[in-house]
Amino acid sequence: MLTYTLKYSLTYFLLDAQLAPDSSIWKWAEMSISETVQPVKTAETDVPSGRMGDAAYATMRRRILDNVWSAGYQATEADVAHELGMSRTPVREALMKLQGEGLIKVTPRHGMQVLPISPADMEQIYQILTSLESTAAELAAERHLDDAALKPLSDATSAMDAALKNDDLDAWAFADEQFHAHLLTLCGNEYLRGVVLNFWDRAHRARMVTLRMRPKPVNSTQEHIELVAAIRAGDANLAGSVQRAHRKRAGSELLLLLKRLGLSRL
């Protein structure tokens, strides 16, 4: 599970940083993904100066969103620093950022506590995602992108299909996240991208709880194929419509499942 968590956190950290492929932080990422024991023990000297706070934040945030640290989880600053193999300074910086995002509550001398998300929160989050991701799809189509630009979307969709054939839901979820992250990059609006990534990450928390409780997600792959085709054709109206229907379906399925399971907090 730890390898999977690190893969997620590093993907989003590196996408947000928009680092070049030959950057030294990518080399550190490749090494860190292989860690499988606790504590993580990432030597701070292995990471470029000034990046430890970002690395702590990315890893801690992904643990919360992947429910490795589920709602109600408590830990002191020292405990977290030991688990991550870091000093307390970057951990303290990360805690303040996570509290600002509403993911945790920090209490002096008592440490952090992961805050829950309710189904009502999820309903509102999916309303935001449905609206803004549809706009992102429209903007991407209006840019008349070539096949090279759209290749990351096609590759992610192919990876989703392969994961389903292998019954590997973790790999499917990772490829699905890659698809949506690339879509937001291709829309060309960094402000929209930032807002959506924040809320999409929160939705991920509920998706991971229910990943193995839902029917096999075969519809998503076909909907992604249709979306890529609409963007390639430069049809903004169709692209927006496909993405809107995709998000509404996914959100409805998730909310109905949460209601059926009687889950009041995530």
Protein backbone atom coordinates (compact mmCIF):
# COMPACT_ATOMS: atom_id res chain seq x y z
CA MET A 1 0.00 0.00 0.00
CA LEU A 2 2.89 2.35 0.79
CA THR A 3 4.38 2.02 -2.69
CA TYR A 4 0.98 2.92 -4.18
CA THR A 5 0.62 5.92 -1.87
CA LEU A 6 4.02 7.28 -2.79
CA LYS A 7 3.30 6.85 -6.49
CA TYR A 8 0.21 9.05 -6.12
CA SER A 9 1.81 11.73 -3.98
CA LEU A 10 4.87 12.06 -6.18
CA THR A 11 2.80 12.20 -9.37
CA TYR A 12 0.79 15.15 -8.11
CA PHE A 13 3.77 16.88 -6.54
CA LEU A 14 5.75 16.65 -9.77
CA LEU A 15 2.81 17.63 -11.98
CA ASP A 16 2.16 20.70 -9.83
CA ALA A 17 5.84 21.60 -9.83
CA GLN A 18 5.95 21.14 -13.64
CA LEU A 19 9.54 19.92 -13.42
CA ALA A 20 11.61 18.86 -16.40
CA PRO A 21 12.04 15.08 -16.82
CA ASP A 22 15.79 15.31 -16.15
CA SER A 23 15.33 17.24 -12.91
CA SER A 24 17.07 15.73 -9.88
CA ILE A 25 13.76 15.58 -8.00
CA TRP A 26 12.53 13.00 -10.55
CA LYS A 27 15.57 10.86 -9.72
CA TRP A 28 14.69 11.12 -6.03
CA ALA A 29 11.09 10.20 -6.86
CA GLU A 30 12.13 7.06 -8.70
CA MET A 31 14.14 5.92 -5.68
CA SER A 32 11.43 6.78 -3.16
CA ILE A 33 8.71 4.82 -4.97
CA SER A 34 10.52 1.59 -4.14
CA GLU A 35 10.27 2.15 -0.37
CA THR A 36 8.05 -0.49 1.26
CA VAL A 37 8.83 -0.43 4.98
CA GLN A 38 8.03 1.97 7.80
CA PRO A 39 9.31 4.51 8.46
CA VAL A 40 9.90 5.81 4.95
CA LYS A 41 13.41 7.02 5.91
CA THR A 42 13.91 9.45 3.05
CA ALA A 43 17.28 11.09 3.67
CA GLU A 44 16.86 14.85 3.48
CA THR A 45 20.20 15.15 1.71
CA ASP A 46 18.74 13.13 -1.19
CA VAL A 47 16.25 15.89 -1.94
CA PRO A 48 17.16 19.25 -3.50
CA SER A 49 17.30 22.09 -0.99
CA GLY A 50 13.93 23.71 -0.35
CA ARG A 51 11.93 20.68 -1.48
CA MET A 52 11.59 18.78 1.80
CA GLY A 53 8.54 20.78 2.90
CA ASP A 54 6.90 20.13 -0.46
CA ALA A 55 7.77 16.43 -0.31
CA ALA A 56 6.38 16.11 3.24
CA TYR A 57 3.20 17.93 2.21
CA ALA A 58 2.68 15.80 -0.90
CA THR A 59 3.20 12.51 0.94
CA MET A 60 1.06 13.47 3.95
CA ARG A 61 -1.74 14.83 1.78
CA ARG A 62 -1.86 11.69 -0.33
CA ARG A 63 -1.96 9.48 2.76
CA ILE A 64 -5.02 11.39 3.91
CA LEU A 65 -6.70 11.28 0.51
CA ASP A 66 -5.94 7.56 0.07
CA ASN A 67 -7.33 6.90 3.57
CA VAL A 68 -4.03 5.53 4.81
CA TRP A 69 -4.67 8.16 7.47
CA SER A 70 -8.45 7.95 7.66
CA ALA A 71 -10.93 10.34 9.30
CA GLY A 72 -10.16 10.69 13.00
CA TYR A 73 -6.52 9.57 12.66
CA GLN A 74 -4.31 11.38 15.20
CA ALA A 75 -0.53 11.76 15.38
CA THR A 76 1.97 14.11 16.94
CA GLU A 77 4.37 16.16 14.88
CA ALA A 78 7.21 13.97 16.15
CA ASP A 79 5.38 10.77 15.19
CA VAL A 80 4.81 12.00 11.64
CA ALA A 81 8.42 13.15 11.30
CA HIS A 82 9.63 9.71 12.43
CA GLU A 83 7.29 7.90 10.04
CA LEU A 84 8.43 10.00 7.08
CA GLY A 85 12.10 9.87 8.09
CA MET A 86 12.30 13.67 8.10
CA SER A 87 13.05 16.41 10.60
CA ARG A 88 10.13 18.20 12.26
CA THR A 89 10.58 21.48 10.35
CA PRO A 90 9.26 20.31 6.93
CA VAL A 91 6.54 18.30 8.69
CA ARG A 92 5.43 21.40 10.61
CA GLU A 93 5.24 23.38 7.35
CA ALA A 94 3.16 20.61 5.76
CA LEU A 95 0.77 20.46 8.73
CA MET A 96 0.03 24.17 8.43
CA LYS A 97 -0.73 23.83 4.72
CA LEU A 98 -2.98 20.81 5.26
CA GLN A 99 -4.86 22.61 8.02
CA GLY A 100 -5.36 25.57 5.69
CA GLU A 101 -6.97 23.20 3.17
CA GLY A 102 -9.37 21.88 5.80
CA LEU A 103 -7.98 18.34 5.71
CA ILE A 104 -6.69 18.28 9.29
CA LYS A 105 -6.96 20.10 12.59
CA VAL A 106 -3.73 20.95 14.40
CA THR A 107 -3.84 21.32 18.18
CA PRO A 108 -0.76 22.63 20.05
CA ARG A 109 1.00 19.87 22.04
CA HIS A 110 -1.48 17.29 20.73
CA GLY A 111 -0.58 17.15 17.04
CA MET A 112 -2.93 16.64 14.11
CA GLN A 113 -6.28 14.99 13.55
CA VAL A 114 -7.66 14.09 10.11
CA LEU A 115 -11.06 15.70 9.58
CA PRO A 116 -13.97 13.75 8.01
CA ILE A 117 -15.84 14.44 4.77
CA SER A 118 -19.60 13.83 4.69
CA PRO A 119 -21.76 12.61 1.78
CA ALA A 120 -23.25 16.12 1.71
CA ASP A 121 -19.72 17.49 1.20
CA MET A 122 -19.18 14.99 -1.60
CA GLU A 123 -22.38 16.02 -3.36
CA GLN A 124 -21.26 19.65 -3.41
CA ILE A 125 -17.75 18.70 -4.51
CA TYR A 126 -19.11 16.70 -7.47
CA GLN A 127 -21.31 19.63 -8.48
CA ILE A 128 -18.16 21.76 -8.68
CA LEU A 129 -16.21 19.08 -10.55
CA THR A 130 -19.01 18.51 -13.06
CA SER A 131 -19.19 22.18 -13.93
CA LEU A 132 -15.49 23.05 -14.02
CA GLU A 133 -14.21 19.87 -15.68
CA SER A 134 -16.79 20.32 -18.43
CA THR A 135 -15.38 23.80 -18.98
CA ALA A 136 -11.86 22.34 -19.03
CA ALA A 137 -12.90 19.86 -21.73
CA GLU A 138 -14.42 22.66 -23.81
CA LEU A 139 -11.28 24.78 -23.49
CA ALA A 140 -9.07 21.86 -24.50
CA ALA A 141 -11.19 21.26 -27.62
CA GLU A 142 -11.02 24.94 -28.56
CA ARG A 143 -7.22 24.76 -28.60
CA HIS A 144 -7.28 22.30 -31.57
CA LEU A 145 -4.56 20.11 -30.06
CA ASP A 146 -2.60 17.68 -32.21
CA ASP A 147 -2.15 13.95 -31.60
CA ALA A 148 1.15 14.48 -29.79
CA ALA A 149 -0.51 16.76 -27.25
CA LEU A 150 -3.39 14.32 -26.77
CA LYS A 151 -1.14 11.26 -26.42
CA PRO A 152 -1.04 11.41 -22.58
CA LEU A 153 -4.85 11.15 -22.53
CA SER A 154 -4.84 8.19 -24.92
CA ASP A 155 -2.03 6.50 -23.00
CA ALA A 156 -3.87 6.91 -19.69
CA THR A 157 -7.05 5.49 -21.21
CA SER A 158 -5.14 2.48 -22.57
CA ALA A 159 -3.60 1.95 -19.13
CA MET A 160 -7.08 2.02 -17.57
CA ASP A 161 -8.28 -0.62 -20.03
CA ALA A 162 -5.26 -2.84 -19.38
CA ALA A 163 -5.71 -2.50 -15.62
CA LEU A 164 -9.33 -3.61 -15.82
CA LYS A 165 -8.39 -6.64 -17.91
CA ASN A 166 -5.90 -7.57 -15.18
CA ASP A 167 -8.41 -6.82 -12.40
CA ASP A 168 -5.93 -4.31 -10.97
CA LEU A 169 -8.15 -1.59 -9.50
CA ASP A 170 -5.25 0.29 -7.92
CA ALA A 171 -3.57 0.63 -11.33
CA TRP A 172 -6.92 1.62 -12.85
CA ALA A 173 -7.41 4.39 -10.27
CA PHE A 174 -3.87 5.66 -10.86
CA ALA A 175 -4.37 5.80 -14.64
CA ASP A 176 -7.74 7.50 -14.17
CA GLU A 177 -6.09 10.19 -12.06
CA GLN A 178 -3.43 10.66 -14.72
CA PHE A 179 -6.11 11.15 -17.37
CA HIS A 180 -7.90 13.87 -15.43
CA ALA A 181 -4.67 15.60 -14.42
CA HIS A 182 -3.54 15.75 -18.07
CA LEU A 183 -6.96 17.02 -19.16
CA LEU A 184 -6.68 19.91 -16.74
CA THR A 185 -3.20 20.74 -18.01
CA LEU A 186 -4.39 20.69 -21.64
CA CYS A 187 -7.21 23.14 -20.96
CA GLY A 188 -4.61 25.90 -20.68
CA ASN A 189 -6.21 27.64 -17.69
CA GLU A 190 -3.94 27.32 -14.67
CA TYR A 191 -6.44 28.93 -12.29
CA LEU A 192 -9.15 26.45 -13.26
CA ARG A 193 -6.65 23.61 -13.05
CA GLY A 194 -5.64 24.53 -9.51
CA VAL A 195 -9.20 24.76 -8.23
CA VAL A 196 -10.29 21.48 -9.82
CA LEU A 197 -7.23 19.52 -8.65
CA ASN A 198 -7.95 20.52 -5.07
CA PHE A 199 -11.56 19.34 -5.18
CA TRP A 200 -10.78 16.31 -7.33
CA ASP A 201 -8.30 15.14 -4.73
CA ARG A 202 -11.01 15.36 -2.07
CA ALA A 203 -13.36 13.28 -4.21
CA HIS A 204 -10.56 10.74 -4.56
CA ARG A 205 -10.77 10.10 -0.83
CA ALA A 206 -14.33 8.77 -1.16
CA ARG A 207 -13.55 6.95 -4.40
CA MET A 208 -10.76 4.96 -2.75
CA VAL A 209 -13.00 3.94 0.17
CA THR A 210 -15.58 2.55 -2.26
CA LEU A 211 -13.27 1.38 -5.07
CA ARG A 212 -13.83 -2.31 -4.40
CA MET A 213 -17.47 -1.91 -3.39
CA ARG A 214 -18.63 -0.61 -6.78
CA PRO A 215 -19.23 -2.50 -10.03
CA LYS A 216 -16.21 -2.78 -12.31
CA PRO A 217 -15.71 0.75 -13.77
CA VAL A 218 -15.96 -0.22 -17.43
CA ASN A 219 -17.98 2.88 -18.42
CA SER A 220 -15.19 5.31 -17.58
CA THR A 221 -12.83 3.95 -20.22
CA GLN A 222 -15.38 4.30 -23.02
CA GLU A 223 -16.36 7.79 -21.85
CA HIS A 224 -12.71 8.83 -21.87
CA ILE A 225 -12.33 7.52 -25.43
CA GLU A 226 -15.35 9.58 -26.51
CA LEU A 227 -13.97 12.66 -24.77
CA VAL A 228 -10.58 12.39 -26.45
CA ALA A 229 -12.30 12.01 -29.84
CA ALA A 230 -14.37 15.15 -29.24
CA ILE A 231 -11.31 17.16 -28.20
CA ARG A 232 -9.34 15.89 -31.21
CA ALA A 233 -12.21 16.98 -33.49
CA GLY A 234 -12.23 20.44 -31.90
CA ASP A 235 -15.89 20.04 -30.93
CA ALA A 236 -16.11 22.05 -27.71
CA ASN A 237 -19.84 21.51 -27.22
CA LEU A 238 -19.54 17.74 -27.55
CA ALA A 239 -16.45 17.59 -25.33
CA GLY A 240 -18.20 19.55 -22.60
CA SER A 241 -21.32 17.41 -22.91
CA VAL A 242 -19.38 14.12 -22.70
CA GLN A 243 -17.41 15.25 -19.67
CA ARG A 244 -20.54 16.58 -17.94
CA ALA A 245 -22.36 13.27 -18.41
CA HIS A 246 -19.25 11.37 -17.26
CA ARG A 247 -18.98 13.33 -14.03
CA LYS A 248 -22.71 13.23 -13.30
CA ARG A 249 -22.79 9.46 -13.72
CA ALA A 250 -19.72 8.89 -11.56
CA GLY A 251 -20.97 11.25 -8.87
CA SER A 252 -24.44 9.71 -8.78
CA GLU A 253 -23.02 6.19 -8.50
CA LEU A 254 -20.74 7.21 -5.64
CA LEU A 255 -23.41 9.08 -3.67
CA LEU A 256 -25.93 6.26 -4.06
CA LEU A 257 -23.36 3.78 -2.79
CA LEU A 258 -22.50 5.93 0.23
CA LYS A 259 -26.19 6.18 1.04
CA ARG A 260 -26.72 2.43 0.64
CA LEU A 261 -23.75 1.66 2.88
CA GLY A 262 -24.88 4.19 5.47
CA LEU A 263 -21.51 5.97 5.48
CA SER A 264 -21.95 9.34 7.17
CA ARG A 265 -18.27 10.34 7.19
CA LEU A 266 -15.15 9.51 5.20
